[in-house]
Amino acid sequence: MPGAAVTSPASAVVVIGECVADIVRTDGAPDRVHPGGSPANLAYGLARLGRPAVLVTELGPDANGRLIRTHLESAGVEVRAAEVARTPSALVRLDGQGRAQYTFDIGWTLPPTELSEAPAAIHLGSIGAVTEPGAASVLALVRRWRGRTQVSYDPNVRPALMGERAEAVCRVERCVALSDLVKASDEDLGWLYPGEPVEAVAERWLTLGPAVVAVTLGAEGAVALTAEGRRERVAAVPVPVADTVGAGDSFMAAFLHARACGADLADCLTRAVTAAAVTVSRPGANPPSAAELADALGRLADADAVSSRTRPFDSATGTPR
């Protein structure tokens, strides 16, 4: 429990950050409450893929808190939650394309927390990484373990909670510098650094310390850059969109899991964009299980095989153009 030493299996990813009850509102339909919060979604996504996950968080003793805990534990997430007066919530409004806009009712007061042993990895992000007073506990924990385990970070920028942009950039870059792997969306970078090309920002972030920076590009897919100068880009997987809630978290969960399994950078990206596609095809933050992701990847491979057979060939090389 937060405030004491958190134990975890050596193969587990310890995720630190907020849980949020997403109250999804669409014109002409009743409100729907979904378990949410970017770190909670990530932990759930990892567990669904078979990766042990421990979530260090805060929950209230209310119906939303019970809903979220039950949801997480149903996938096998070990929940270590400090009790707060009420579980944070977010009103989620969906536009005609299923894109989400959030209005938050949230605080973050995580007490000092320690780990009894090194986990496989630590993930921080979103509101819990930059909102005081709890962010101080998160960063102190990460600093103690930096260099002894892999650290990942997703800023998951929420402009309404970030304050002045210059100060927000400083807080985000502080987290980037503590991380080995960073994922951000093009929307995150567009708010943090207006007008700057996303790949230029990714290259600059690499100079702060990460080995890999990945950027999701919505319908354009995703790109990843490494400190060694490698660059990979993959296309999005086209699917009918129910909503975009949790898509970035599913991407990150699949990317981290694939990387832990030894996949190369291009394969990590392919698995991640496919997991995100499964998630946006159904309502709420509902990431794929390992079997669902394998099935989606199989269908994608079959479609690619058909496409390659129907493309014209280069007579000089014998390969599809």
C-alpha atoms as a PDB file:
ATOM      1  CA  MET A   1       0.000   0.000   0.000  1.00  0.00           C
ATOM      2  CA  PRO A   2       1.303   3.545  -0.727  1.00  0.00           C
ATOM      3  CA  GLY A   3       3.254   4.871   2.235  1.00  0.00           C
ATOM      4  CA  ALA A   4       4.849   1.444   2.739  1.00  0.00           C
ATOM      5  CA  ALA A   5       7.043  -0.735   0.525  1.00  0.00           C
ATOM      6  CA  VAL A   6       5.202  -2.085  -2.505  1.00  0.00           C
ATOM      7  CA  THR A   7       6.115  -5.643  -3.446  1.00  0.00           C
ATOM      8  CA  SER A   8       5.737  -6.974  -6.966  1.00  0.00           C
ATOM      9  CA  PRO A   9       6.816  -9.945  -9.080  1.00  0.00           C
ATOM     10  CA  ALA A  10      10.200  -9.411 -10.725  1.00  0.00           C
ATOM     11  CA  SER A  11       8.486  -9.599 -14.140  1.00  0.00           C
ATOM     12  CA  ALA A  12       5.882  -6.939 -13.292  1.00  0.00           C
ATOM     13  CA  VAL A  13       5.566  -3.422 -14.580  1.00  0.00           C
ATOM     14  CA  VAL A  14       4.824  -1.000 -11.738  1.00  0.00           C
ATOM     15  CA  VAL A  15       2.522   1.715 -13.076  1.00  0.00           C
ATOM     16  CA  ILE A  16       2.149   4.863 -10.983  1.00  0.00           C
ATOM     17  CA  GLY A  17      -0.714   7.263 -11.569  1.00  0.00           C
ATOM     18  CA  GLU A  18      -4.359   8.144 -11.405  1.00  0.00           C
ATOM     19  CA  CYS A  19      -7.574   6.216 -11.776  1.00  0.00           C
ATOM     20  CA  VAL A  20     -10.515   8.168 -13.217  1.00  0.00           C
ATOM     21  CA  ALA A  21     -14.188   7.294 -13.655  1.00  0.00           C
ATOM     22  CA  ASP A  22     -14.924   8.379 -17.239  1.00  0.00           C
ATOM     23  CA  ILE A  23     -18.513   9.590 -17.525  1.00  0.00           C
ATOM     24  CA  VAL A  24     -19.079   9.351 -21.278  1.00  0.00           C
ATOM     25  CA  ARG A  25     -21.754  11.701 -22.596  1.00  0.00           C
ATOM     26  CA  THR A  26     -23.135  11.587 -26.133  1.00  0.00           C
ATOM     27  CA  ASP A  27     -26.057  13.680 -27.389  1.00  0.00           C
ATOM     28  CA  GLY A  28     -29.294  11.713 -27.326  1.00  0.00           C
ATOM     29  CA  ALA A  29     -27.948   8.837 -25.229  1.00  0.00           C
ATOM     30  CA  PRO A  30     -27.738   8.162 -21.474  1.00  0.00           C
ATOM     31  CA  ASP A  31     -24.424   8.720 -19.706  1.00  0.00           C
ATOM     32  CA  ARG A  32     -22.116   5.701 -19.514  1.00  0.00           C
ATOM     33  CA  VAL A  33     -19.486   5.284 -16.779  1.00  0.00           C
ATOM     34  CA  HIS A  34     -16.259   3.536 -17.767  1.00  0.00           C
ATOM     35  CA  PRO A  35     -13.175   2.799 -15.640  1.00  0.00           C
ATOM     36  CA  GLY A  36     -10.428   5.111 -16.885  1.00  0.00           C
ATOM     37  CA  GLY A  37      -7.349   7.153 -16.183  1.00  0.00           C
ATOM     38  CA  SER A  38      -4.347   6.778 -18.486  1.00  0.00           C
ATOM     39  CA  PRO A  39      -2.078   4.900 -16.020  1.00  0.00           C
ATOM     40  CA  ALA A  40      -4.959   2.630 -14.965  1.00  0.00           C
ATOM     41  CA  ASN A  41      -5.781   1.937 -18.622  1.00  0.00           C
ATOM     42  CA  LEU A  42      -2.150   1.086 -19.287  1.00  0.00           C
ATOM     43  CA  ALA A  43      -1.939  -1.332 -16.355  1.00  0.00           C
ATOM     44  CA  TYR A  44      -5.160  -2.986 -17.511  1.00  0.00           C
ATOM     45  CA  GLY A  45      -3.865  -3.224 -21.075  1.00  0.00           C
ATOM     46  CA  LEU A  46      -0.602  -4.826 -19.943  1.00  0.00           C
ATOM     47  CA  ALA A  47      -2.443  -7.401 -17.826  1.00  0.00           C
ATOM     48  CA  ARG A  48      -4.784  -8.212 -20.719  1.00  0.00           C
ATOM     49  CA  LEU A  49      -1.712  -8.999 -22.816  1.00  0.00           C
ATOM     50  CA  GLY A  50      -0.311 -11.282 -20.124  1.00  0.00           C
ATOM     51  CA  ARG A  51       2.235  -8.907 -18.558  1.00  0.00           C
ATOM     52  CA  PRO A  52       2.025  -8.738 -14.732  1.00  0.00           C
ATOM     53  CA  ALA A  53       1.119  -5.204 -13.671  1.00  0.00           C
ATOM     54  CA  VAL A  54       0.949  -3.418 -10.320  1.00  0.00           C
ATOM     55  CA  LEU A  55      -0.909  -0.098 -10.181  1.00  0.00           C
ATOM     56  CA  VAL A  56       0.077   2.377  -7.457  1.00  0.00           C
ATOM     57  CA  THR A  57      -2.791   4.853  -7.297  1.00  0.00           C
ATOM     58  CA  GLU A  58      -5.585   6.506  -5.287  1.00  0.00           C
ATOM     59  CA  LEU A  59      -9.224   5.434  -5.014  1.00  0.00           C
ATOM     60  CA  GLY A  60     -12.236   6.551  -3.030  1.00  0.00           C
ATOM     61  CA  PRO A  61     -14.518   4.271  -0.969  1.00  0.00           C
ATOM     62  CA  ASP A  62     -17.383   4.919  -3.392  1.00  0.00           C
ATOM     63  CA  ALA A  63     -19.197   3.180  -6.224  1.00  0.00           C
ATOM     64  CA  ASN A  64     -16.770   4.526  -8.833  1.00  0.00           C
ATOM     65  CA  GLY A  65     -13.804   3.309  -6.791  1.00  0.00           C
ATOM     66  CA  ARG A  66     -15.317  -0.153  -6.473  1.00  0.00           C
ATOM     67  CA  LEU A  67     -16.097  -0.213 -10.199  1.00  0.00           C
ATOM     68  CA  ILE A  68     -12.511   0.663 -11.116  1.00  0.00           C
ATOM     69  CA  ARG A  69     -10.904  -1.772  -8.663  1.00  0.00           C
ATOM     70  CA  THR A  70     -13.119  -4.648  -9.834  1.00  0.00           C
ATOM     71  CA  HIS A  71     -12.365  -3.806 -13.453  1.00  0.00           C
ATOM     72  CA  LEU A  72      -8.601  -3.756 -12.918  1.00  0.00           C
ATOM     73  CA  GLU A  73      -8.502  -6.884 -10.804  1.00  0.00           C
ATOM     74  CA  SER A  74     -10.611  -8.754 -13.371  1.00  0.00           C
ATOM     75  CA  ALA A  75      -7.628  -8.551 -15.733  1.00  0.00           C
ATOM     76  CA  GLY A  76      -5.131  -9.506 -13.020  1.00  0.00           C
ATOM     77  CA  VAL A  77      -3.830  -6.040 -12.114  1.00  0.00           C
ATOM     78  CA  GLU A  78      -2.570  -5.819  -8.535  1.00  0.00           C
ATOM     79  CA  VAL A  79      -4.071  -2.574  -7.198  1.00  0.00           C
ATOM     80  CA  ARG A  80      -2.192  -0.731  -4.425  1.00  0.00           C
ATOM     81  CA  ALA A  81      -4.397   2.271  -3.694  1.00  0.00           C
ATOM     82  CA  ALA A  82      -4.206   5.002  -1.085  1.00  0.00           C
ATOM     83  CA  GLU A  83      -7.709   5.967   0.028  1.00  0.00           C
ATOM     84  CA  VAL A  84      -9.010   9.427  -0.842  1.00  0.00           C
ATOM     85  CA  ALA A  85     -12.384  11.024  -0.097  1.00  0.00           C
ATOM     86  CA  ARG A  86     -13.810  10.299  -3.553  1.00  0.00           C
ATOM     87  CA  THR A  87     -12.635   8.685  -6.740  1.00  0.00           C
ATOM     88  CA  PRO A  88     -11.590  11.198  -9.415  1.00  0.00           C
ATOM     89  CA  SER A  89     -13.890  11.552 -12.403  1.00  0.00           C
ATOM     90  CA  ALA A  90     -13.941  13.048 -15.876  1.00  0.00           C
ATOM     91  CA  LEU A  91     -16.882  14.094 -18.001  1.00  0.00           C
ATOM     92  CA  VAL A  92     -16.071  12.810 -21.496  1.00  0.00           C
ATOM     93  CA  ARG A  93     -17.893  14.412 -24.423  1.00  0.00           C
ATOM     94  CA  LEU A  94     -17.646  12.682 -27.801  1.00  0.00           C
ATOM     95  CA  ASP A  95     -17.863  14.542 -31.088  1.00  0.00           C
ATOM     96  CA  GLY A  96     -19.306  13.128 -34.299  1.00  0.00           C
ATOM     97  CA  GLN A  97     -16.046  11.298 -35.082  1.00  0.00           C
ATOM     98  CA  GLY A  98     -15.795   9.708 -31.633  1.00  0.00           C
ATOM     99  CA  ARG A  99     -13.016  12.039 -30.466  1.00  0.00           C
ATOM    100  CA  ALA A 100     -13.070  12.712 -26.740  1.00  0.00           C
ATOM    101  CA  GLN A 101     -12.915  15.998 -24.829  1.00  0.00           C
ATOM    102  CA  TYR A 102     -12.491  15.852 -21.043  1.00  0.00           C
ATOM    103  CA  THR A 103     -13.628  17.962 -18.083  1.00  0.00           C
ATOM    104  CA  PHE A 104     -11.929  16.750 -14.904  1.00  0.00           C
ATOM    105  CA  ASP A 105     -12.796  16.569 -11.218  1.00  0.00           C
ATOM    106  CA  ILE A 106      -9.501  15.267  -9.886  1.00  0.00           C
ATOM    107  CA  GLY A 107      -6.805  15.724  -7.286  1.00  0.00           C
ATOM    108  CA  TRP A 108      -3.552  13.827  -6.801  1.00  0.00           C
ATOM    109  CA  THR A 109      -2.064  13.503  -3.320  1.00  0.00           C
ATOM    110  CA  LEU A 110      -0.108  10.215  -3.458  1.00  0.00           C
ATOM    111  CA  PRO A 111       1.999   9.822  -0.280  1.00  0.00           C
ATOM    112  CA  PRO A 112       5.689   8.778  -0.377  1.00  0.00           C
ATOM    113  CA  THR A 113       5.962   5.261  -1.770  1.00  0.00           C
ATOM    114  CA  GLU A 114       8.767   2.712  -1.962  1.00  0.00           C
ATOM    115  CA  LEU A 115       9.387  -0.556  -3.787  1.00  0.00           C
ATOM    116  CA  SER A 116      10.787  -3.519  -1.894  1.00  0.00           C
ATOM    117  CA  GLU A 117      12.602  -4.830  -4.975  1.00  0.00           C
ATOM    118  CA  ALA A 118      13.306  -3.880  -8.559  1.00  0.00           C
ATOM    119  CA  PRO A 119      10.375  -4.527 -10.928  1.00  0.00           C
ATOM    120  CA  ALA A 120      10.816  -5.297 -14.600  1.00  0.00           C
ATOM    121  CA  ALA A 121       9.894  -1.695 -15.379  1.00  0.00           C
ATOM    122  CA  ILE A 122       8.285   1.447 -13.970  1.00  0.00           C
ATOM    123  CA  HIS A 123       5.795   3.552 -15.897  1.00  0.00           C
ATOM    124  CA  LEU A 124       4.712   7.071 -15.006  1.00  0.00           C
ATOM    125  CA  GLY A 125       2.526   9.499 -16.828  1.00  0.00           C
ATOM    126  CA  SER A 126      -0.455  11.725 -17.295  1.00  0.00           C
ATOM    127  CA  ILE A 127      -1.876  13.729 -14.398  1.00  0.00           C
ATOM    128  CA  GLY A 128      -0.029  11.785 -11.700  1.00  0.00           C
ATOM    129  CA  ALA A 129       3.407  12.701 -13.076  1.00  0.00           C
ATOM    130  CA  VAL A 130       2.926  16.477 -13.084  1.00  0.00           C
ATOM    131  CA  THR A 131       0.225  17.345 -10.506  1.00  0.00           C
ATOM    132  CA  GLU A 132       1.347  18.230  -7.002  1.00  0.00           C
ATOM    133  CA  PRO A 133       1.549  17.243  -4.260  1.00  0.00           C
ATOM    134  CA  GLY A 134       1.472  13.638  -5.471  1.00  0.00           C
ATOM    135  CA  ALA A 135       3.886  14.164  -8.385  1.00  0.00           C
ATOM    136  CA  ALA A 136       6.715  14.712  -5.902  1.00  0.00           C
ATOM    137  CA  SER A 137       6.198  11.171  -4.563  1.00  0.00           C
ATOM    138  CA  VAL A 138       6.112   9.739  -8.088  1.00  0.00           C
ATOM    139  CA  LEU A 139       9.305  11.460  -9.199  1.00  0.00           C
ATOM    140  CA  ALA A 140      11.142  10.624  -5.986  1.00  0.00           C
ATOM    141  CA  LEU A 141      10.348   6.939  -6.501  1.00  0.00           C
ATOM    142  CA  VAL A 142      11.454   7.015 -10.140  1.00  0.00           C
ATOM    143  CA  ARG A 143      14.718   8.781  -9.279  1.00  0.00           C
ATOM    144  CA  ARG A 144      15.548   6.119  -6.692  1.00  0.00           C
ATOM    145  CA  TRP A 145      15.166   3.353  -9.292  1.00  0.00           C
ATOM    146  CA  ARG A 146      16.442   5.135 -12.417  1.00  0.00           C
ATOM    147  CA  GLY A 147      19.279   3.100 -13.895  1.00  0.00           C
ATOM    148  CA  ARG A 148      18.266  -0.090 -12.105  1.00  0.00           C
ATOM    149  CA  THR A 149      15.083  -0.737 -14.076  1.00  0.00           C
ATOM    150  CA  GLN A 150      13.485   0.493 -17.295  1.00  0.00           C
ATOM    151  CA  VAL A 151      11.379   3.645 -16.989  1.00  0.00           C
ATOM    152  CA  SER A 152       8.676   4.676 -19.460  1.00  0.00           C
ATOM    153  CA  TYR A 153       6.614   7.850 -19.655  1.00  0.00           C
ATOM    154  CA  ASP A 154       3.499   9.093 -21.457  1.00  0.00           C
ATOM    155  CA  PRO A 155       2.644  12.780 -20.850  1.00  0.00           C
ATOM    156  CA  ASN A 156      -0.979  12.301 -21.991  1.00  0.00           C
ATOM    157  CA  VAL A 157      -1.371  16.079 -21.884  1.00  0.00           C
ATOM    158  CA  ARG A 158      -4.580  17.468 -20.411  1.00  0.00           C
ATOM    159  CA  PRO A 159      -4.404  21.224 -21.177  1.00  0.00           C
ATOM    160  CA  ALA A 160      -7.114  22.146 -18.641  1.00  0.00           C
ATOM    161  CA  LEU A 161      -4.932  20.725 -15.847  1.00  0.00           C
ATOM    162  CA  MET A 162      -1.476  21.742 -17.078  1.00  0.00           C
ATOM    163  CA  GLY A 163      -1.408  25.428 -16.113  1.00  0.00           C
ATOM    164  CA  GLU A 164       0.877  27.788 -18.018  1.00  0.00           C
ATOM    165  CA  ARG A 165       2.435  26.182 -21.072  1.00  0.00           C
ATOM    166  CA  ALA A 166       6.060  27.113 -20.241  1.00  0.00           C
ATOM    167  CA  GLU A 167       5.789  25.585 -16.768  1.00  0.00           C
ATOM    168  CA  ALA A 168       4.043  22.506 -18.184  1.00  0.00           C
ATOM    169  CA  VAL A 169       6.867  22.015 -20.691  1.00  0.00           C
ATOM    170  CA  CYS A 170       9.401  22.094 -17.856  1.00  0.00           C
ATOM    171  CA  ARG A 171       7.452  19.476 -15.874  1.00  0.00           C
ATOM    172  CA  VAL A 172       7.044  17.220 -18.896  1.00  0.00           C
ATOM    173  CA  GLU A 173      10.701  17.488 -19.912  1.00  0.00           C
ATOM    174  CA  ARG A 174      11.722  16.649 -16.345  1.00  0.00           C
ATOM    175  CA  CYS A 175       9.851  13.364 -16.733  1.00  0.00           C
ATOM    176  CA  VAL A 176      11.264  12.768 -20.213  1.00  0.00           C
ATOM    177  CA  ALA A 177      14.790  13.097 -18.809  1.00  0.00           C
ATOM    178  CA  LEU A 178      14.059  10.384 -16.217  1.00  0.00           C
ATOM    179  CA  SER A 179      12.806   7.907 -18.817  1.00  0.00           C
ATOM    180  CA  ASP A 180      14.245   5.272 -21.121  1.00  0.00           C
ATOM    181  CA  LEU A 181      11.189   5.148 -23.390  1.00  0.00           C
ATOM    182  CA  VAL A 182       8.713   7.952 -24.033  1.00  0.00           C
ATOM    183  CA  LYS A 183       5.461   7.900 -25.985  1.00  0.00           C
ATOM    184  CA  ALA A 184       3.439  11.002 -26.835  1.00  0.00           C
ATOM    185  CA  SER A 185       0.661  11.853 -29.259  1.00  0.00           C
ATOM    186  CA  ASP A 186       0.880  14.471 -31.987  1.00  0.00           C
ATOM    187  CA  GLU A 187      -1.823  16.349 -30.051  1.00  0.00           C
ATOM    188  CA  ASP A 188       0.359  16.317 -26.902  1.00  0.00           C
ATOM    189  CA  LEU A 189       3.296  17.765 -28.807  1.00  0.00           C
ATOM    190  CA  GLY A 190       1.096  20.253 -30.645  1.00  0.00           C
ATOM    191  CA  TRP A 191      -0.017  21.753 -27.335  1.00  0.00           C
ATOM    192  CA  LEU A 192       3.413  21.677 -25.698  1.00  0.00           C
ATOM    193  CA  TYR A 193       5.332  23.016 -28.710  1.00  0.00           C
ATOM    194  CA  PRO A 194       2.919  24.811 -31.081  1.00  0.00           C
ATOM    195  CA  GLY A 195       3.998  24.783 -34.698  1.00  0.00           C
ATOM    196  CA  GLU A 196       7.002  22.466 -34.248  1.00  0.00           C
ATOM    197  CA  PRO A 197       7.226  19.284 -36.357  1.00  0.00           C
ATOM    198  CA  VAL A 198       6.647  16.257 -34.142  1.00  0.00           C
ATOM    199  CA  GLU A 199       9.789  14.477 -35.296  1.00  0.00           C
ATOM    200  CA  ALA A 200      11.901  17.530 -34.462  1.00  0.00           C
ATOM    201  CA  VAL A 201      10.475  17.465 -30.931  1.00  0.00           C
ATOM    202  CA  ALA A 202      11.140  13.726 -30.679  1.00  0.00           C
ATOM    203  CA  GLU A 203      14.757  14.256 -31.731  1.00  0.00           C
ATOM    204  CA  ARG A 204      15.183  16.963 -29.117  1.00  0.00           C
ATOM    205  CA  TRP A 205      13.658  14.749 -26.424  1.00  0.00           C
ATOM    206  CA  LEU A 206      16.170  12.025 -27.298  1.00  0.00           C
ATOM    207  CA  THR A 207      18.970  14.399 -26.283  1.00  0.00           C
ATOM    208  CA  LEU A 208      17.458  14.577 -22.772  1.00  0.00           C
ATOM    209  CA  GLY A 209      18.082  10.890 -22.089  1.00  0.00           C
ATOM    210  CA  PRO A 210      15.524   8.433 -23.527  1.00  0.00           C
ATOM    211  CA  ALA A 211      16.653   5.623 -25.828  1.00  0.00           C
ATOM    212  CA  VAL A 212      13.340   5.630 -27.734  1.00  0.00           C
ATOM    213  CA  VAL A 213      10.662   8.250 -28.393  1.00  0.00           C
ATOM    214  CA  ALA A 214       7.455   7.127 -30.115  1.00  0.00           C
ATOM    215  CA  VAL A 215       4.761   9.495 -31.384  1.00  0.00           C
ATOM    216  CA  THR A 216       1.227   8.454 -32.301  1.00  0.00           C
ATOM    217  CA  LEU A 217      -0.197  10.292 -35.302  1.00  0.00           C
ATOM    218  CA  GLY A 218      -3.885   9.379 -35.194  1.00  0.00           C
ATOM    219  CA  ALA A 219      -5.089   8.227 -38.589  1.00  0.00           C
ATOM    220  CA  GLU A 220      -1.534   8.584 -39.919  1.00  0.00           C
ATOM    221  CA  GLY A 221      -0.168   5.792 -37.734  1.00  0.00           C
ATOM    222  CA  ALA A 222       2.936   6.219 -35.577  1.00  0.00           C
ATOM    223  CA  VAL A 223       6.645   6.955 -35.749  1.00  0.00           C
ATOM    224  CA  ALA A 224       9.488   6.004 -33.405  1.00  0.00           C
ATOM    225  CA  LEU A 225      13.011   7.412 -33.212  1.00  0.00           C
ATOM    226  CA  THR A 226      15.979   6.067 -31.266  1.00  0.00           C
ATOM    227  CA  ALA A 227      19.052   7.674 -29.752  1.00  0.00           C
ATOM    228  CA  GLU A 228      21.119   5.549 -32.160  1.00  0.00           C
ATOM    229  CA  GLY A 229      19.554   7.314 -35.134  1.00  0.00           C
ATOM    230  CA  ARG A 230      17.025   4.704 -36.199  1.00  0.00           C
ATOM    231  CA  ARG A 231      13.602   5.828 -37.424  1.00  0.00           C
ATOM    232  CA  GLU A 232      10.566   3.634 -38.073  1.00  0.00           C
ATOM    233  CA  ARG A 233       7.094   4.621 -39.225  1.00  0.00           C
ATOM    234  CA  VAL A 234       3.985   2.472 -39.600  1.00  0.00           C
ATOM    235  CA  ALA A 235       0.541   3.189 -40.984  1.00  0.00           C
ATOM    236  CA  ALA A 236      -2.608   3.121 -38.898  1.00  0.00           C
ATOM    237  CA  VAL A 237      -4.930   0.119 -39.142  1.00  0.00           C
ATOM    238  CA  PRO A 238      -8.237   1.358 -40.630  1.00  0.00           C
ATOM    239  CA  VAL A 239     -11.281   0.429 -38.540  1.00  0.00           C
ATOM    240  CA  PRO A 240     -14.727   1.919 -37.871  1.00  0.00           C
ATOM    241  CA  VAL A 241     -14.296   4.244 -34.867  1.00  0.00           C
ATOM    242  CA  ALA A 242     -16.595   3.852 -31.862  1.00  0.00           C
ATOM    243  CA  ASP A 243     -14.531   6.349 -29.842  1.00  0.00           C
ATOM    244  CA  THR A 244     -10.878   7.165 -29.194  1.00  0.00           C
ATOM    245  CA  VAL A 245     -10.975   6.716 -25.405  1.00  0.00           C
ATOM    246  CA  GLY A 246      -7.926   4.750 -24.246  1.00  0.00           C
ATOM    247  CA  ALA A 247      -6.378   4.346 -27.700  1.00  0.00           C
ATOM    248  CA  GLY A 248      -3.042   5.849 -26.701  1.00  0.00           C
ATOM    249  CA  ASP A 249      -2.914   3.742 -23.541  1.00  0.00           C
ATOM    250  CA  SER A 250      -3.544   0.564 -25.551  1.00  0.00           C
ATOM    251  CA  PHE A 251      -0.780   1.618 -27.936  1.00  0.00           C
ATOM    252  CA  MET A 252       1.650   2.100 -25.039  1.00  0.00           C
ATOM    253  CA  ALA A 253       0.717  -1.184 -23.340  1.00  0.00           C
ATOM    254  CA  ALA A 254       1.258  -3.161 -26.541  1.00  0.00           C
ATOM    255  CA  PHE A 255       4.495  -1.322 -27.318  1.00  0.00           C
ATOM    256  CA  LEU A 256       5.930  -1.969 -23.840  1.00  0.00           C
ATOM    257  CA  HIS A 257       4.859  -5.609 -23.876  1.00  0.00           C
ATOM    258  CA  ALA A 258       6.314  -6.227 -27.328  1.00  0.00           C
ATOM    259  CA  ARG A 259       9.579  -4.541 -26.369  1.00  0.00           C
ATOM    260  CA  ALA A 260       9.824  -6.649 -23.200  1.00  0.00           C
ATOM    261  CA  CYS A 261       9.326  -9.742 -25.376  1.00  0.00           C
ATOM    262  CA  GLY A 262      12.292  -8.756 -27.550  1.00  0.00           C
ATOM    263  CA  ALA A 263      10.417  -7.497 -30.624  1.00  0.00           C
ATOM    264  CA  ASP A 264      12.255  -5.089 -32.901  1.00  0.00           C
ATOM    265  CA  LEU A 265      11.198  -1.469 -33.210  1.00  0.00           C
ATOM    266  CA  ALA A 266       9.042  -1.897 -36.320  1.00  0.00           C
ATOM    267  CA  ASP A 267       7.248  -4.888 -34.814  1.00  0.00           C
ATOM    268  CA  CYS A 268       6.638  -2.976 -31.575  1.00  0.00           C
ATOM    269  CA  LEU A 269       5.008  -0.188 -33.576  1.00  0.00           C
ATOM    270  CA  THR A 270       2.912  -2.587 -35.636  1.00  0.00           C
ATOM    271  CA  ARG A 271       1.627  -4.350 -32.545  1.00  0.00           C
ATOM    272  CA  ALA A 272       0.940  -1.016 -30.855  1.00  0.00           C
ATOM    273  CA  VAL A 273      -1.062   0.562 -33.698  1.00  0.00           C
ATOM    274  CA  THR A 274      -3.012  -2.677 -34.075  1.00  0.00           C
ATOM    275  CA  ALA A 275      -3.896  -2.715 -30.373  1.00  0.00           C
ATOM    276  CA  ALA A 276      -5.005   0.917 -30.634  1.00  0.00           C
ATOM    277  CA  ALA A 277      -7.184   0.045 -33.636  1.00  0.00           C
ATOM    278  CA  VAL A 278      -8.922  -2.729 -31.713  1.00  0.00           C
ATOM    279  CA  THR A 279      -9.578  -0.273 -28.876  1.00  0.00           C
ATOM    280  CA  VAL A 280     -11.072   2.505 -31.004  1.00  0.00           C
ATOM    281  CA  SER A 281     -13.352  -0.003 -32.723  1.00  0.00           C
ATOM    282  CA  ARG A 282     -15.328  -0.485 -29.482  1.00  0.00           C
ATOM    283  CA  PRO A 283     -16.589   1.901 -26.780  1.00  0.00           C
ATOM    284  CA  GLY A 284     -14.449   2.982 -23.838  1.00  0.00           C
ATOM    285  CA  ALA A 285     -10.913   2.073 -22.825  1.00  0.00           C
ATOM    286  CA  ASN A 286     -11.275  -1.586 -23.784  1.00  0.00           C
ATOM    287  CA  PRO A 287      -7.851  -2.846 -24.937  1.00  0.00           C
ATOM    288  CA  PRO A 288      -7.359  -6.215 -26.604  1.00  0.00           C
ATOM    289  CA  SER A 289      -6.445  -9.436 -24.859  1.00  0.00           C
ATOM    290  CA  ALA A 290      -3.403 -11.324 -26.097  1.00  0.00           C
ATOM    291  CA  ALA A 291      -5.675 -13.571 -28.192  1.00  0.00           C
ATOM    292  CA  GLU A 292      -7.568 -10.618 -29.680  1.00  0.00           C
ATOM    293  CA  LEU A 293      -4.342  -8.844 -30.587  1.00  0.00           C
ATOM    294  CA  ALA A 294      -2.922 -12.010 -32.168  1.00  0.00           C
ATOM    295  CA  ASP A 295      -6.111 -12.396 -34.197  1.00  0.00           C
ATOM    296  CA  ALA A 296      -5.995  -8.768 -35.362  1.00  0.00           C
ATOM    297  CA  LEU A 297      -2.322  -9.088 -36.309  1.00  0.00           C
ATOM    298  CA  GLY A 298      -3.105 -12.278 -38.229  1.00  0.00           C
ATOM    299  CA  ARG A 299      -5.855 -10.555 -40.205  1.00  0.00           C
ATOM    300  CA  LEU A 300      -3.503  -7.637 -40.892  1.00  0.00           C
ATOM    301  CA  ALA A 301      -0.800 -10.019 -42.148  1.00  0.00           C
ATOM    302  CA  ASP A 302      -3.331 -11.779 -44.408  1.00  0.00           C
ATOM    303  CA  ALA A 303      -4.454  -8.435 -45.848  1.00  0.00           C
ATOM    304  CA  ASP A 304      -0.832  -7.413 -46.462  1.00  0.00           C
ATOM    305  CA  ALA A 305      -0.174 -10.719 -48.217  1.00  0.00           C
ATOM    306  CA  VAL A 306      -3.141 -10.185 -50.537  1.00  0.00           C
ATOM    307  CA  SER A 307      -2.046  -6.601 -51.184  1.00  0.00           C
ATOM    308  CA  SER A 308       1.501  -7.681 -52.057  1.00  0.00           C
ATOM    309  CA  ARG A 309       0.197 -10.285 -54.533  1.00  0.00           C
ATOM    310  CA  THR A 310      -1.880  -7.691 -56.372  1.00  0.00           C
ATOM    311  CA  ARG A 311       0.751  -4.946 -56.582  1.00  0.00           C
ATOM    312  CA  PRO A 312       2.896  -4.642 -59.738  1.00  0.00           C
ATOM    313  CA  PHE A 313       6.384  -6.125 -59.518  1.00  0.00           C
ATOM    314  CA  ASP A 314       9.702  -4.502 -60.226  1.00  0.00           C
ATOM    315  CA  SER A 315      11.237  -6.658 -62.956  1.00  0.00           C
ATOM    316  CA  ALA A 316      14.764  -5.786 -61.889  1.00  0.00           C
ATOM    317  CA  THR A 317      14.410  -6.844 -58.274  1.00  0.00           C
ATOM    318  CA  GLY A 318      11.449  -9.227 -58.351  1.00  0.00           C
ATOM    319  CA  THR A 319       9.808  -7.384 -55.449  1.00  0.00           C
ATOM    320  CA  PRO A 320       6.466  -5.546 -55.225  1.00  0.00           C
ATOM    321  CA  ARG A 321       6.665  -1.872 -56.079  1.00  0.00           C
END
